[in-house]
C-alpha atoms as a PDB file:
ATOM      1  CA  MET A   1     102.701 110.503  94.645  1.00  0.00           C
ATOM      2  CA  GLY A   2     105.421 110.099  92.112  1.00  0.00           C
ATOM      3  CA  GLU A   3     105.071 111.439  88.544  1.00  0.00           C
ATOM      4  CA  THR A   4     103.840 108.966  85.864  1.00  0.00           C
ATOM      5  CA  ALA A   5     106.657 107.533  83.805  1.00  0.00           C
ATOM      6  CA  TYR A   6     106.722 104.850  81.138  1.00  0.00           C
ATOM      7  CA  VAL A   7     108.602 101.794  80.056  1.00  0.00           C
ATOM      8  CA  THR A   8     108.183  99.936  76.782  1.00  0.00           C
ATOM      9  CA  ALA A   9     107.734  96.207  76.850  1.00  0.00           C
ATOM     10  CA  LYS A  10     109.349  93.901  74.419  1.00  0.00           C
ATOM     11  CA  ASP A  11     106.333  93.882  72.226  1.00  0.00           C
ATOM     12  CA  GLY A  12     106.070  97.644  72.024  1.00  0.00           C
ATOM     13  CA  VAL A  13     103.260  98.106  74.686  1.00  0.00           C
ATOM     14  CA  ARG A  14     103.989 101.190  76.812  1.00  0.00           C
ATOM     15  CA  LEU A  15     103.476 100.539  80.467  1.00  0.00           C
ATOM     16  CA  ALA A  16     102.821 103.342  83.096  1.00  0.00           C
ATOM     17  CA  TYR A  17     104.490 103.333  86.518  1.00  0.00           C
ATOM     18  CA  ASP A  18     105.508 105.772  89.195  1.00  0.00           C
ATOM     19  CA  ASP A  19     108.321 105.770  91.602  1.00  0.00           C
ATOM     20  CA  THR A  20     108.652 107.653  94.872  1.00  0.00           C
ATOM     21  CA  GLY A  21     112.431 107.372  94.759  1.00  0.00           C
ATOM     22  CA  GLY A  22     112.473 107.141  98.573  1.00  0.00           C
ATOM     23  CA  ALA A  23     115.239 105.531 100.659  1.00  0.00           C
ATOM     24  CA  GLY A  24     114.931 102.066 102.042  1.00  0.00           C
ATOM     25  CA  PRO A  25     113.971  98.757 100.472  1.00  0.00           C
ATOM     26  CA  VAL A  26     112.287  98.596  97.093  1.00  0.00           C
ATOM     27  CA  LEU A  27     108.615  97.754  97.210  1.00  0.00           C
ATOM     28  CA  LEU A  28     106.944  97.121  93.897  1.00  0.00           C
ATOM     29  CA  CYS A  29     103.078  97.330  94.045  1.00  0.00           C
ATOM     30  CA  LEU A  30     101.016  95.297  91.635  1.00  0.00           C
ATOM     31  CA  ALA A  31      97.277  95.708  91.519  1.00  0.00           C
ATOM     32  CA  GLY A  32      94.428  93.332  90.953  1.00  0.00           C
ATOM     33  CA  LEU A  33      92.898  92.079  87.716  1.00  0.00           C
ATOM     34  CA  THR A  34      90.878  95.203  86.735  1.00  0.00           C
ATOM     35  CA  ARG A  35      92.554  97.618  89.056  1.00  0.00           C
ATOM     36  CA  ASN A  36      95.481 100.184  88.770  1.00  0.00           C
ATOM     37  CA  ARG A  37      98.245 101.627  90.723  1.00  0.00           C
ATOM     38  CA  GLU A  38      96.112 104.120  92.649  1.00  0.00           C
ATOM     39  CA  ASP A  39      94.941 101.123  94.756  1.00  0.00           C
ATOM     40  CA  PHE A  40      98.191 101.648  96.675  1.00  0.00           C
ATOM     41  CA  ASP A  41      97.727 105.393  97.499  1.00  0.00           C
ATOM     42  CA  PHE A  42      97.424 104.494 101.155  1.00  0.00           C
ATOM     43  CA  VAL A  43     100.701 102.529 101.000  1.00  0.00           C
ATOM     44  CA  VAL A  44     102.473 105.498  99.432  1.00  0.00           C
ATOM     45  CA  ARG A  45     100.928 107.883 102.029  1.00  0.00           C
ATOM     46  CA  ASP A  46     101.913 105.617 105.010  1.00  0.00           C
ATOM     47  CA  PHE A  47     105.197 104.064 104.003  1.00  0.00           C
ATOM     48  CA  ARG A  48     106.980 106.493 101.554  1.00  0.00           C
ATOM     49  CA  ASP A  49     109.411 107.361 104.285  1.00  0.00           C
ATOM     50  CA  GLN A  50     110.298 103.678 104.891  1.00  0.00           C
ATOM     51  CA  ALA A  51     110.666 102.375 101.372  1.00  0.00           C
ATOM     52  CA  ARG A  52     111.162 103.180  97.694  1.00  0.00           C
ATOM     53  CA  ILE A  53     107.655 102.497  96.387  1.00  0.00           C
ATOM     54  CA  ILE A  54     107.127 101.728  92.742  1.00  0.00           C
ATOM     55  CA  ARG A  55     103.675 101.133  91.314  1.00  0.00           C
ATOM     56  CA  LEU A  56     102.971  99.617  87.911  1.00  0.00           C
ATOM     57  CA  ASP A  57      99.886  99.542  85.868  1.00  0.00           C
ATOM     58  CA  PHE A  58      99.614  96.226  84.045  1.00  0.00           C
ATOM     59  CA  ARG A  59      99.145  96.352  80.344  1.00  0.00           C
ATOM     60  CA  GLY A  60      95.565  97.312  79.453  1.00  0.00           C
ATOM     61  CA  ARG A  61      94.952  98.906  82.846  1.00  0.00           C
ATOM     62  CA  GLY A  62      95.242 102.467  84.257  1.00  0.00           C
ATOM     63  CA  GLY A  63      97.623 104.548  82.332  1.00  0.00           C
ATOM     64  CA  SER A  64      99.204 101.749  80.344  1.00  0.00           C
ATOM     65  CA  ASP A  65      98.542 100.937  76.634  1.00  0.00           C
ATOM     66  CA  TYR A  66      95.813  98.609  75.696  1.00  0.00           C
ATOM     67  CA  ALA A  67      97.281  95.554  73.905  1.00  0.00           C
ATOM     68  CA  ASP A  68      96.261  92.334  72.241  1.00  0.00           C
ATOM     69  CA  PRO A  69      93.978  90.615  74.784  1.00  0.00           C
ATOM     70  CA  ALA A  70      95.949  87.399  74.137  1.00  0.00           C
ATOM     71  CA  THR A  71      98.776  89.075  76.119  1.00  0.00           C
ATOM     72  CA  TYR A  72      96.654  89.779  79.183  1.00  0.00           C
ATOM     73  CA  THR A  73      98.102  86.912  81.049  1.00  0.00           C
ATOM     74  CA  PRO A  74      99.982  86.529  84.304  1.00  0.00           C
ATOM     75  CA  LEU A  75     102.988  85.090  82.497  1.00  0.00           C
ATOM     76  CA  GLN A  76     103.217  88.098  80.205  1.00  0.00           C
ATOM     77  CA  GLU A  77     102.672  90.441  83.143  1.00  0.00           C
ATOM     78  CA  ALA A  78     105.494  88.717  85.066  1.00  0.00           C
ATOM     79  CA  GLU A  79     107.696  89.303  82.093  1.00  0.00           C
ATOM     80  CA  ASP A  80     106.597  93.028  82.094  1.00  0.00           C
ATOM     81  CA  VAL A  81     107.669  93.350  85.656  1.00  0.00           C
ATOM     82  CA  VAL A  82     111.106  92.106  84.802  1.00  0.00           C
ATOM     83  CA  THR A  83     111.276  94.631  81.959  1.00  0.00           C
ATOM     84  CA  LEU A  84     110.477  97.373  84.508  1.00  0.00           C
ATOM     85  CA  LEU A  85     113.116  96.159  86.914  1.00  0.00           C
ATOM     86  CA  ASP A  86     115.662  96.075  84.069  1.00  0.00           C
ATOM     87  CA  HIS A  87     114.631  99.566  82.970  1.00  0.00           C
ATOM     88  CA  LEU A  88     115.172 100.915  86.490  1.00  0.00           C
ATOM     89  CA  GLY A  89     118.456  99.069  86.994  1.00  0.00           C
ATOM     90  CA  LEU A  90     117.119  97.087  89.832  1.00  0.00           C
ATOM     91  CA  ALA A  91     118.500  93.620  90.516  1.00  0.00           C
ATOM     92  CA  GLN A  92     115.651  92.842  92.968  1.00  0.00           C
ATOM     93  CA  ALA A  93     112.488  94.237  94.423  1.00  0.00           C
ATOM     94  CA  ALA A  94     109.910  93.016  96.947  1.00  0.00           C
ATOM     95  CA  ILE A  95     106.408  92.735  95.661  1.00  0.00           C
ATOM     96  CA  LEU A  96     103.258  93.822  97.337  1.00  0.00           C
ATOM     97  CA  GLY A  97     100.716  92.028  95.206  1.00  0.00           C
ATOM     98  CA  THR A  98      96.979  92.437  95.416  1.00  0.00           C
ATOM     99  CA  SER A  99      94.845  89.562  93.939  1.00  0.00           C
ATOM    100  CA  ARG A 100      96.140  89.220  90.271  1.00  0.00           C
ATOM    101  CA  GLY A 101      99.302  91.099  91.272  1.00  0.00           C
ATOM    102  CA  GLY A 102      99.976  88.471  93.872  1.00  0.00           C
ATOM    103  CA  ILE A 103      99.507  85.750  91.310  1.00  0.00           C
ATOM    104  CA  VAL A 104     102.141  87.445  89.170  1.00  0.00           C
ATOM    105  CA  ALA A 105     104.452  87.558  92.196  1.00  0.00           C
ATOM    106  CA  MET A 106     104.022  83.867  92.799  1.00  0.00           C
ATOM    107  CA  ILE A 107     104.608  83.002  89.215  1.00  0.00           C
ATOM    108  CA  MET A 108     107.872  84.936  89.392  1.00  0.00           C
ATOM    109  CA  GLY A 109     108.861  82.568  92.123  1.00  0.00           C
ATOM    110  CA  LEU A 110     109.360  80.072  89.288  1.00  0.00           C
ATOM    111  CA  THR A 111     110.172  82.290  86.349  1.00  0.00           C
ATOM    112  CA  ALA A 112     112.337  85.026  87.949  1.00  0.00           C
ATOM    113  CA  ARG A 113     112.971  84.172  91.566  1.00  0.00           C
ATOM    114  CA  ALA A 114     116.402  85.875  91.642  1.00  0.00           C
ATOM    115  CA  ARG A 115     114.563  89.203  91.019  1.00  0.00           C
ATOM    116  CA  LEU A 116     112.503  88.912  94.231  1.00  0.00           C
ATOM    117  CA  SER A 117     113.596  90.031  97.672  1.00  0.00           C
ATOM    118  CA  GLY A 118     110.231  89.147  99.263  1.00  0.00           C
ATOM    119  CA  VAL A 119     106.546  88.840  98.612  1.00  0.00           C
ATOM    120  CA  CYS A 120     103.598  90.307 100.419  1.00  0.00           C
ATOM    121  CA  LEU A 121     100.245  88.959  99.244  1.00  0.00           C
ATOM    122  CA  ASN A 122      96.943  90.789  99.610  1.00  0.00           C
ATOM    123  CA  ASP A 123      94.048  88.423  99.703  1.00  0.00           C
ATOM    124  CA  ILE A 124      95.338  85.955  97.248  1.00  0.00           C
ATOM    125  CA  GLY A 125      96.813  82.415  97.354  1.00  0.00           C
ATOM    126  CA  PRO A 126      97.614  79.393  95.204  1.00  0.00           C
ATOM    127  CA  GLU A 127      93.848  78.391  94.943  1.00  0.00           C
ATOM    128  CA  ILE A 128      90.895  80.777  94.140  1.00  0.00           C
ATOM    129  CA  MET A 129      87.349  80.119  95.272  1.00  0.00           C
ATOM    130  CA  PRO A 130      84.877  79.458  92.415  1.00  0.00           C
ATOM    131  CA  GLU A 131      82.387  81.973  93.771  1.00  0.00           C
ATOM    132  CA  GLY A 132      84.979  84.658  93.547  1.00  0.00           C
ATOM    133  CA  LEU A 133      85.596  83.863  89.870  1.00  0.00           C
ATOM    134  CA  SER A 134      81.908  83.889  89.231  1.00  0.00           C
ATOM    135  CA  ALA A 135      81.522  87.223  90.897  1.00  0.00           C
ATOM    136  CA  ILE A 136      84.289  88.744  88.726  1.00  0.00           C
ATOM    137  CA  MET A 137      82.578  87.473  85.484  1.00  0.00           C
ATOM    138  CA  GLY A 138      79.513  89.364  86.628  1.00  0.00           C
ATOM    139  CA  TYR A 139      81.161  92.711  86.076  1.00  0.00           C
ATOM    140  CA  ILE A 140      84.420  92.520  84.222  1.00  0.00           C
ATOM    141  CA  GLY A 141      84.365  94.349  80.939  1.00  0.00           C
ATOM    142  CA  ARG A 142      80.984  96.014  81.598  1.00  0.00           C
ATOM    143  CA  ARG A 143      80.249  99.636  82.315  1.00  0.00           C
ATOM    144  CA  PRO A 144      78.682 100.285  85.665  1.00  0.00           C
ATOM    145  CA  LYS A 145      75.046 101.308  85.648  1.00  0.00           C
ATOM    146  CA  PHE A 146      75.550 104.185  88.232  1.00  0.00           C
ATOM    147  CA  ARG A 147      75.038 107.699  86.825  1.00  0.00           C
ATOM    148  CA  ASN A 148      78.057 109.134  88.580  1.00  0.00           C
ATOM    149  CA  LEU A 149      80.688 108.433  91.188  1.00  0.00           C
ATOM    150  CA  ALA A 150      78.613 109.787  94.033  1.00  0.00           C
ATOM    151  CA  GLU A 151      75.876 107.386  93.341  1.00  0.00           C
ATOM    152  CA  ALA A 152      78.363 104.497  92.974  1.00  0.00           C
ATOM    153  CA  ALA A 153      79.935 105.380  96.372  1.00  0.00           C
ATOM    154  CA  ALA A 154      76.548 105.492  98.064  1.00  0.00           C
ATOM    155  CA  ALA A 155      75.866 101.895  96.731  1.00  0.00           C
ATOM    156  CA  MET A 156      79.171 100.453  97.929  1.00  0.00           C
ATOM    157  CA  PRO A 157      78.022  99.343 101.402  1.00  0.00           C
ATOM    158  CA  ASP A 158      75.120  97.255 100.028  1.00  0.00           C
ATOM    159  CA  LEU A 159      77.210  95.727  97.175  1.00  0.00           C
ATOM    160  CA  HIS A 160      80.005  94.694  99.628  1.00  0.00           C
ATOM    161  CA  PRO A 161      78.365  93.411 102.758  1.00  0.00           C
ATOM    162  CA  SER A 162      81.546  91.740 103.956  1.00  0.00           C
ATOM    163  CA  PHE A 163      83.040  95.281 104.416  1.00  0.00           C
ATOM    164  CA  HIS A 164      82.234  97.083 107.652  1.00  0.00           C
ATOM    165  CA  ASN A 165      83.410 100.298 109.294  1.00  0.00           C
ATOM    166  CA  VAL A 166      84.300 101.923 106.010  1.00  0.00           C
ATOM    167  CA  SER A 167      83.904 105.678 105.908  1.00  0.00           C
ATOM    168  CA  SER A 168      82.037 107.464 103.091  1.00  0.00           C
ATOM    169  CA  GLU A 169      85.371 109.166 102.114  1.00  0.00           C
ATOM    170  CA  THR A 170      87.100 105.767 101.713  1.00  0.00           C
ATOM    171  CA  TRP A 171      84.297 104.538  99.450  1.00  0.00           C
ATOM    172  CA  ALA A 172      84.335 107.718  97.376  1.00  0.00           C
ATOM    173  CA  ALA A 173      88.163 107.383  96.959  1.00  0.00           C
ATOM    174  CA  HIS A 174      87.573 103.636  96.069  1.00  0.00           C
ATOM    175  CA  VAL A 175      85.056 104.278  93.256  1.00  0.00           C
ATOM    176  CA  ALA A 176      87.227 107.143  91.822  1.00  0.00           C
ATOM    177  CA  ARG A 177      90.091 104.580  91.415  1.00  0.00           C
ATOM    178  CA  LEU A 178      87.649 102.120  89.705  1.00  0.00           C
ATOM    179  CA  TRP A 179      85.908 104.444  87.192  1.00  0.00           C
ATOM    180  CA  ARG A 180      86.252 107.655  85.219  1.00  0.00           C
ATOM    181  CA  GLU A 181      83.302 110.054  85.181  1.00  0.00           C
ATOM    182  CA  ASP A 182      82.305 112.485  82.379  1.00  0.00           C
ATOM    183  CA  GLU A 183      79.072 113.843  80.923  1.00  0.00           C
ATOM    184  CA  ALA A 184      78.106 110.476  79.573  1.00  0.00           C
ATOM    185  CA  GLY A 185      78.476 108.671  82.928  1.00  0.00           C
ATOM    186  CA  LEU A 186      81.091 106.286  84.251  1.00  0.00           C
ATOM    187  CA  HIS A 187      83.737 104.472  82.190  1.00  0.00           C
ATOM    188  CA  LEU A 188      86.113 101.595  82.836  1.00  0.00           C
ATOM    189  CA  ARG A 189      89.662 102.402  83.584  1.00  0.00           C
ATOM    190  CA  TYR A 190      90.861  99.312  81.903  1.00  0.00           C
ATOM    191  CA  ASP A 191      90.527  97.576  78.531  1.00  0.00           C
ATOM    192  CA  PRO A 192      87.039  95.945  78.441  1.00  0.00           C
ATOM    193  CA  ARG A 193      88.511  93.165  76.253  1.00  0.00           C
ATOM    194  CA  LEU A 194      90.171  91.844  79.440  1.00  0.00           C
ATOM    195  CA  ARG A 195      86.851  89.936  79.818  1.00  0.00           C
ATOM    196  CA  GLU A 196      87.627  87.823  76.743  1.00  0.00           C
ATOM    197  CA  ALA A 197      91.154  87.313  77.878  1.00  0.00           C
ATOM    198  CA  VAL A 198      90.107  85.707  81.177  1.00  0.00           C
ATOM    199  CA  ALA A 199      86.743  84.146  80.252  1.00  0.00           C
ATOM    200  CA  PRO A 200      88.228  80.642  79.344  1.00  0.00           C
ATOM    201  CA  ALA A 201      90.131  80.363  82.487  1.00  0.00           C
ATOM    202  CA  PHE A 202      87.189  81.562  84.577  1.00  0.00           C
ATOM    203  CA  ALA A 203      84.709  79.118  82.967  1.00  0.00           C
ATOM    204  CA  ALA A 204      82.858  76.761  85.316  1.00  0.00           C
ATOM    205  CA  ASP A 205      84.357  73.764  83.487  1.00  0.00           C
ATOM    206  CA  ALA A 206      87.863  75.100  83.385  1.00  0.00           C
ATOM    207  CA  LYS A 207      90.656  73.214  85.243  1.00  0.00           C
ATOM    208  CA  PRO A 208      92.187  75.676  87.745  1.00  0.00           C
ATOM    209  CA  ALA A 209      95.885  76.223  87.401  1.00  0.00           C
ATOM    210  CA  ASP A 210      98.052  74.669  90.168  1.00  0.00           C
ATOM    211  CA  LEU A 211      99.858  77.533  91.725  1.00  0.00           C
ATOM    212  CA  TRP A 212     101.153  75.669  94.743  1.00  0.00           C
ATOM    213  CA  PRO A 213     104.519  75.032  93.028  1.00  0.00           C
ATOM    214  CA  CYS A 214     104.759  78.798  92.516  1.00  0.00           C
ATOM    215  CA  PHE A 215     104.034  79.434  96.199  1.00  0.00           C
ATOM    216  CA  ASP A 216     106.495  76.786  97.326  1.00  0.00           C
ATOM    217  CA  ALA A 217     109.119  78.421  95.101  1.00  0.00           C
ATOM    218  CA  LEU A 218     109.076  81.473  97.384  1.00  0.00           C
ATOM    219  CA  ALA A 219     110.706  79.318 100.061  1.00  0.00           C
ATOM    220  CA  ALA A 220     113.293  81.279 102.165  1.00  0.00           C
ATOM    221  CA  LEU A 221     112.104  84.679 100.922  1.00  0.00           C
ATOM    222  CA  PRO A 222     110.382  86.994 103.314  1.00  0.00           C
ATOM    223  CA  LEU A 223     106.650  86.350 102.947  1.00  0.00           C
ATOM    224  CA  ALA A 224     103.564  88.080 104.211  1.00  0.00           C
ATOM    225  CA  LEU A 225      99.806  87.547 103.710  1.00  0.00           C
ATOM    226  CA  ILE A 226      96.841  89.862 104.314  1.00  0.00           C
ATOM    227  CA  ARG A 227      93.339  88.255 104.074  1.00  0.00           C
ATOM    228  CA  GLY A 228      89.964  89.693 104.244  1.00  0.00           C
ATOM    229  CA  ALA A 229      87.905  87.385 106.573  1.00  0.00           C
ATOM    230  CA  GLY A 230      84.982  87.701 104.240  1.00  0.00           C
ATOM    231  CA  SER A 231      86.977  87.043 101.007  1.00  0.00           C
ATOM    232  CA  ASN A 232      85.270  85.153  98.234  1.00  0.00           C
ATOM    233  CA  ILE A 233      88.788  84.604  96.622  1.00  0.00           C
ATOM    234  CA  LEU A 234      91.034  83.286  99.305  1.00  0.00           C
ATOM    235  CA  SER A 235      89.401  80.647 101.634  1.00  0.00           C
ATOM    236  CA  ARG A 236      90.443  80.252 105.235  1.00  0.00           C
ATOM    237  CA  GLU A 237      91.412  76.705 104.514  1.00  0.00           C
ATOM    238  CA  VAL A 238      93.877  77.691 101.784  1.00  0.00           C
ATOM    239  CA  ALA A 239      95.282  80.454 103.961  1.00  0.00           C
ATOM    240  CA  ASP A 240      95.790  77.869 106.702  1.00  0.00           C
ATOM    241  CA  GLU A 241      97.621  75.568 104.332  1.00  0.00           C
ATOM    242  CA  MET A 242      99.849  78.459 103.243  1.00  0.00           C
ATOM    243  CA  ARG A 243     100.609  79.148 106.893  1.00  0.00           C
ATOM    244  CA  ALA A 244     101.308  75.473 107.535  1.00  0.00           C
ATOM    245  CA  ARG A 245     103.804  75.412 104.562  1.00  0.00           C
ATOM    246  CA  ARG A 246     105.364  78.735 105.755  1.00  0.00           C
ATOM    247  CA  PRO A 247     105.048  78.937 109.576  1.00  0.00           C
ATOM    248  CA  ASP A 248     107.259  82.114 109.360  1.00  0.00           C
ATOM    249  CA  MET A 249     104.829  83.956 107.068  1.00  0.00           C
ATOM    250  CA  ILE A 250     103.590  87.250 108.531  1.00  0.00           C
ATOM    251  CA  TYR A 251      99.832  87.057 108.599  1.00  0.00           C
ATOM    252  CA  ALA A 252      96.717  89.059 109.377  1.00  0.00           C
ATOM    253  CA  ASP A 253      93.069  88.091 108.922  1.00  0.00           C
ATOM    254  CA  LEU A 254      90.865  91.157 108.767  1.00  0.00           C
ATOM    255  CA  PRO A 255      87.327  90.658 110.277  1.00  0.00           C
ATOM    256  CA  ASP A 256      85.646  93.702 108.643  1.00  0.00           C
ATOM    257  CA  ARG A 257      86.984  93.220 105.119  1.00  0.00           C
ATOM    258  CA  GLY A 258      86.280  91.001 102.059  1.00  0.00           C
ATOM    259  CA  HIS A 259      88.123  90.951  98.773  1.00  0.00           C
ATOM    260  CA  VAL A 260      90.271  93.044  98.897  1.00  0.00           C
ATOM    261  CA  PRO A 261      91.478  94.983 101.964  1.00  0.00           C
ATOM    262  CA  PHE A 262      92.155  98.678 101.155  1.00  0.00           C
ATOM    263  CA  LEU A 263      95.595  98.402 102.996  1.00  0.00           C
ATOM    264  CA  ASP A 264      94.831 101.419 105.219  1.00  0.00           C
ATOM    265  CA  GLU A 265      93.592  99.158 107.949  1.00  0.00           C
ATOM    266  CA  PRO A 266      95.778  98.969 111.108  1.00  0.00           C
ATOM    267  CA  ALA A 267      96.332  95.242 110.740  1.00  0.00           C
ATOM    268  CA  SER A 268      97.339  95.676 107.110  1.00  0.00           C
ATOM    269  CA  GLN A 269      99.609  98.425 108.005  1.00  0.00           C
ATOM    270  CA  ALA A 270     101.240  96.318 110.774  1.00  0.00           C
ATOM    271  CA  VAL A 271     101.867  93.463 108.304  1.00  0.00           C
ATOM    272  CA  ILE A 272     103.396  95.820 105.726  1.00  0.00           C
ATOM    273  CA  SER A 273     105.553  97.452 108.377  1.00  0.00           C
ATOM    274  CA  GLN A 274     106.941  94.089 109.633  1.00  0.00           C
ATOM    275  CA  PHE A 275     107.465  92.943 106.072  1.00  0.00           C
ATOM    276  CA  LEU A 276     109.584  96.084 105.181  1.00  0.00           C
ATOM    277  CA  LYS A 277     111.732  95.362 108.257  1.00  0.00           C
ATOM    278  CA  GLU A 278     112.350  91.865 107.060  1.00  0.00           C
ATOM    279  CA  ILE A 279     113.416  92.946 103.637  1.00  0.00           C
ATOM    280  CA  ALA A 280     115.478  95.919 104.691  1.00  0.00           C
END
């Protein structure tokens, strides 16, 4: 993996990222709402010889500074992405965006389309299922009740019934990316105030944002979508509409996965491989 480096956002927040510096097209990896760049460990492992892979921690997550919760928004995060591209002297990058990271990529279709060379979405689309938002509010900002990472890993199969054929080693790596362990137990690897930042938008009576114009703004760019068949975030109906609007979109529906695929699955790897060929 690349060494951690930092770039300072316009408001002074320090953002952590790493850069393999490899040859090939630039692939910028953006993680989900409460996740961090380690979610893309498998991508670095499997594709570092085919692309220059850059991974960013959004503000308030992973190794990046905690900030004013009012700035924990997709619009600000899209601006932070542009700041990173400017810092690295990159005119363009393709984005592999998981969940929230994919929302940021779609928003950039309207706010910074010239900086995009393609977008690969991991289990996210222009509409989000209400049950997925409800599930997120059930845990976001709250420390887990597990005593240690081993206990957490053992509980994962029951907590994620839409995931099948996942090894114990994969679950162990997964929980280590989610939480930090010390003598006092497990701790979040993101700012718990992220809960207050998203709560208004996730409220049951909140009007969902219309992201279809953002998706449509990606027209003519290489586009790919990976979906977990058991996803509670991206419905099959929305995925079908995305495919209808973009018949050329690379697509895989993973039967043994929910929200979100790990990206080590053969079908995920095939999508990413084909996507890299399109942006090369």
